[in-house]
């Protein structure tokens, strides 16, 4: 039997990692930011 909380949490983590990959990739391609800088920049907006 599926635990809805665990499933939702796993999906959330995967979504976060996808966002971070896209974010760090885009920042690296455009501005040459480090992933941490891009994360802070993203959280600041």
N, C-alpha and C. Protein backbone atom coordinates (compact mmCIF):
# COMPACT_ATOMS: atom_id res chain seq x y z
N UNK A 1 0.85 -1.20 0.00
CA UNK A 1 0.00 0.00 0.00
C UNK A 1 0.89 1.25 0.00
N UNK A 2 0.55 2.19 -0.87
CA UNK A 2 1.37 3.39 -1.01
C UNK A 2 1.13 4.36 0.13
N UNK A 3 2.21 4.93 0.61
CA UNK A 3 2.10 5.99 1.60
C UNK A 3 2.09 7.31 0.84
N UNK A 4 0.97 8.01 0.90
CA UNK A 4 0.81 9.23 0.11
C UNK A 4 1.83 10.29 0.50
N UNK A 5 2.15 10.36 1.78
CA UNK A 5 3.11 11.37 2.24
C UNK A 5 4.50 11.11 1.65
N UNK A 6 4.93 9.84 1.69
CA UNK A 6 6.26 9.50 1.16
C UNK A 6 6.29 9.75 -0.34
N UNK A 7 5.22 9.35 -1.03
CA UNK A 7 5.15 9.55 -2.47
C UNK A 7 5.22 11.04 -2.82
N UNK A 8 4.43 11.84 -2.12
CA UNK A 8 4.41 13.28 -2.38
C UNK A 8 5.76 13.90 -2.07
N UNK A 9 6.39 13.44 -0.99
CA UNK A 9 7.69 13.98 -0.63
C UNK A 9 8.75 13.62 -1.67
N UNK A 10 8.67 12.40 -2.18
CA UNK A 10 9.63 11.99 -3.20
C UNK A 10 9.46 12.83 -4.47
N UNK A 11 8.22 13.05 -4.86
CA UNK A 11 7.95 13.86 -6.04
C UNK A 11 8.45 15.29 -5.82
N UNK A 12 8.24 15.80 -4.60
CA UNK A 12 8.69 17.15 -4.28
C UNK A 12 10.21 17.24 -4.39
N UNK A 13 10.92 16.26 -3.85
CA UNK A 13 12.37 16.27 -3.90
C UNK A 13 12.86 16.20 -5.35
N UNK A 14 12.24 15.35 -6.15
CA UNK A 14 12.63 15.24 -7.56
C UNK A 14 12.38 16.55 -8.29
N UNK A 15 11.24 17.20 -7.98
CA UNK A 15 10.94 18.48 -8.60
C UNK A 15 11.97 19.52 -8.20
N UNK A 16 12.34 19.55 -6.92
CA UNK A 16 13.35 20.50 -6.44
C UNK A 16 14.68 20.26 -7.15
N UNK A 17 15.08 19.00 -7.26
CA UNK A 17 16.36 18.69 -7.91
C UNK A 17 16.32 19.07 -9.38
N UNK A 18 15.17 18.84 -10.04
CA UNK A 18 15.04 19.25 -11.44
C UNK A 18 15.17 20.76 -11.57
N UNK A 19 14.49 21.48 -10.67
CA UNK A 19 14.58 22.95 -10.69
C UNK A 19 16.01 23.41 -10.48
N UNK A 20 16.71 22.78 -9.54
CA UNK A 20 18.10 23.17 -9.26
C UNK A 20 19.00 22.89 -10.46
N UNK A 21 18.76 21.75 -11.12
CA UNK A 21 19.58 21.42 -12.29
C UNK A 21 19.34 22.43 -13.40
N UNK A 22 18.07 22.76 -13.65
CA UNK A 22 17.75 23.75 -14.68
C UNK A 22 18.32 25.10 -14.30
N UNK A 23 18.15 25.46 -13.03
CA UNK A 23 18.60 26.77 -12.56
C UNK A 23 20.12 26.90 -12.66
N UNK A 24 20.84 25.94 -12.12
CA UNK A 24 22.30 26.00 -12.15
C UNK A 24 22.81 25.90 -13.58
N UNK A 25 22.17 25.08 -14.40
CA UNK A 25 22.58 24.96 -15.80
C UNK A 25 22.39 26.27 -16.55
N UNK A 26 21.23 26.90 -16.36
CA UNK A 26 20.95 28.16 -17.03
C UNK A 26 21.90 29.25 -16.55
N UNK A 27 22.11 29.32 -15.23
CA UNK A 27 23.00 30.34 -14.68
C UNK A 27 24.43 30.13 -15.17
N UNK A 28 24.84 28.86 -15.27
CA UNK A 28 26.20 28.57 -15.73
C UNK A 28 26.37 28.96 -17.19
N UNK A 29 25.35 28.67 -17.99
CA UNK A 29 25.44 28.97 -19.42
C UNK A 29 25.42 30.47 -19.67
N UNK A 30 24.67 31.22 -18.88
CA UNK A 30 24.48 32.64 -19.17
C UNK A 30 25.47 33.51 -18.41
N UNK A 31 25.54 33.34 -17.08
CA UNK A 31 26.29 34.27 -16.25
C UNK A 31 27.52 33.64 -15.60
N UNK A 32 27.71 32.33 -15.78
CA UNK A 32 28.82 31.62 -15.16
C UNK A 32 28.75 31.71 -13.63
N UNK A 33 27.52 31.72 -13.10
CA UNK A 33 27.37 31.68 -11.65
C UNK A 33 27.64 30.27 -11.15
N UNK A 34 28.03 30.18 -9.89
CA UNK A 34 28.09 28.87 -9.25
C UNK A 34 26.68 28.46 -8.86
N UNK A 35 26.39 27.16 -8.70
CA UNK A 35 25.06 26.71 -8.30
C UNK A 35 24.56 27.39 -7.03
N UNK A 36 25.45 27.57 -6.05
CA UNK A 36 25.02 28.18 -4.79
C UNK A 36 24.58 29.63 -5.04
N UNK A 37 25.35 30.34 -5.86
CA UNK A 37 25.00 31.73 -6.16
C UNK A 37 23.66 31.80 -6.87
N UNK A 38 23.44 30.88 -7.82
CA UNK A 38 22.18 30.89 -8.55
C UNK A 38 21.01 30.55 -7.63
N UNK A 39 21.25 29.65 -6.67
CA UNK A 39 20.19 29.30 -5.71
C UNK A 39 19.85 30.53 -4.86
N UNK A 40 20.87 31.20 -4.36
CA UNK A 40 20.62 32.39 -3.55
C UNK A 40 19.93 33.46 -4.37
N UNK A 41 20.36 33.61 -5.61
CA UNK A 41 19.75 34.60 -6.50
C UNK A 41 18.29 34.26 -6.74
N UNK A 42 18.02 32.95 -6.94
CA UNK A 42 16.65 32.51 -7.19
C UNK A 42 15.78 32.74 -5.96
N UNK A 43 16.32 32.46 -4.77
CA UNK A 43 15.54 32.64 -3.54
C UNK A 43 15.31 34.12 -3.25
N UNK A 44 16.21 34.96 -3.72
CA UNK A 44 16.10 36.39 -3.42
C UNK A 44 14.99 37.06 -4.20
N UNK A 45 14.65 36.54 -5.41
CA UNK A 45 13.69 37.22 -6.25
C UNK A 45 12.27 37.11 -5.73
